[in-house]
Amino acid sequence: MPEFGRTLIILGIAIIAVGVLFTLGGKIPWLGHLPGDIYVQRGRFSFYFPITTCIVISILISLVLYLFRR
C-alpha cells in the first residue's frame, strides 16, 4: 500500500506541473515559436504543429524524471 500513496503523490505533482505550464505557457514568448515548428496557412485553412517545441519539452521532462529517479 505505501507504493499506492507514493504514486498518488507523484501523480498530483505532475498534474500541478502541467497546470503551471498551461498557466504560464502564454507568457513564455519562445514557447511554440521555435525554428522547426510547422505552420501552414492557405486561404481560410491553417495548420500548426509545434514539433520542435514538443521535442524540447519532452527532453526537459525526461531530464527532470531522470533526476528524480536517481
Protein backbone atom coordinates (compact mmCIF):
# COMPACT_ATOMS: atom_id res chain seq x y z
CA MET A 1 0.00 0.00 0.00
CA PRO A 2 2.83 2.54 0.52
CA GLU A 3 3.55 2.33 -3.22
CA PHE A 4 -0.01 3.46 -3.99
CA GLY A 5 0.37 6.54 -1.80
CA ARG A 6 3.66 7.45 -3.41
CA THR A 7 2.13 7.03 -6.85
CA LEU A 8 -0.73 9.37 -5.92
CA ILE A 9 1.72 11.99 -4.66
CA ILE A 10 3.78 11.83 -7.86
CA LEU A 11 0.63 11.99 -9.98
CA GLY A 12 -0.54 15.04 -8.03
CA ILE A 13 2.80 16.80 -8.53
CA ALA A 14 2.66 16.01 -12.25
CA ILE A 15 -0.86 17.45 -12.53
CA ILE A 16 0.25 20.62 -10.72
CA ALA A 17 3.26 20.94 -13.05
CA VAL A 18 1.05 20.61 -16.14
CA GLY A 19 -1.32 23.21 -14.70
CA VAL A 20 1.56 25.62 -14.14
CA LEU A 21 2.76 25.05 -17.71
CA PHE A 22 -0.70 25.82 -19.10
CA THR A 23 -0.99 28.91 -16.94
CA LEU A 24 2.46 30.29 -17.78
CA GLY A 25 2.68 28.89 -21.32
CA GLY A 26 1.33 32.03 -22.96
CA LYS A 27 3.79 34.22 -21.08
CA ILE A 28 6.88 32.45 -22.42
CA PRO A 29 7.41 34.18 -25.80
CA TRP A 30 9.55 31.50 -27.48
CA LEU A 31 7.30 28.58 -26.49
CA GLY A 32 5.58 27.39 -29.64
CA HIS A 33 7.58 29.60 -31.99
CA LEU A 34 10.85 27.70 -32.32
CA PRO A 35 12.56 27.04 -35.65
CA GLY A 36 11.25 23.74 -36.95
CA ASP A 37 7.66 24.25 -35.79
CA ILE A 38 5.33 23.60 -38.72
CA TYR A 39 2.86 26.32 -39.68
CA VAL A 40 0.87 26.18 -42.91
CA GLN A 41 -1.68 28.82 -43.90
CA ARG A 42 -3.64 28.66 -47.15
CA GLY A 43 -6.72 30.76 -47.57
CA ARG A 44 -9.10 30.09 -44.72
CA PHE A 45 -7.21 26.95 -43.65
CA SER A 46 -4.34 27.00 -41.17
CA PHE A 47 -2.41 24.12 -39.64
CA TYR A 48 0.09 24.46 -36.80
CA PHE A 49 2.17 21.67 -35.30
CA PRO A 50 4.92 22.69 -32.84
CA ILE A 51 7.17 19.65 -33.41
CA THR A 52 10.38 21.30 -32.17
CA THR A 53 8.66 22.69 -29.09
CA CYS A 54 7.28 19.21 -28.32
CA ILE A 55 10.75 17.68 -28.61
CA VAL A 56 12.30 20.33 -26.32
CA ILE A 57 9.57 19.87 -23.70
CA SER A 58 9.93 16.07 -23.92
CA ILE A 59 13.68 16.31 -23.33
CA LEU A 60 13.16 18.60 -20.33
CA ILE A 61 10.52 16.32 -18.79
CA SER A 62 12.74 13.26 -19.37
CA LEU A 63 15.66 15.02 -17.69
CA VAL A 64 13.56 16.00 -14.66
CA LEU A 65 12.18 12.47 -14.31
CA TYR A 66 15.68 11.00 -14.63
CA LEU A 67 16.94 13.27 -11.86
CA PHE A 68 14.01 12.35 -9.58
CA ARG A 69 14.60 8.62 -10.08
CA ARG A 70 18.28 8.83 -9.10
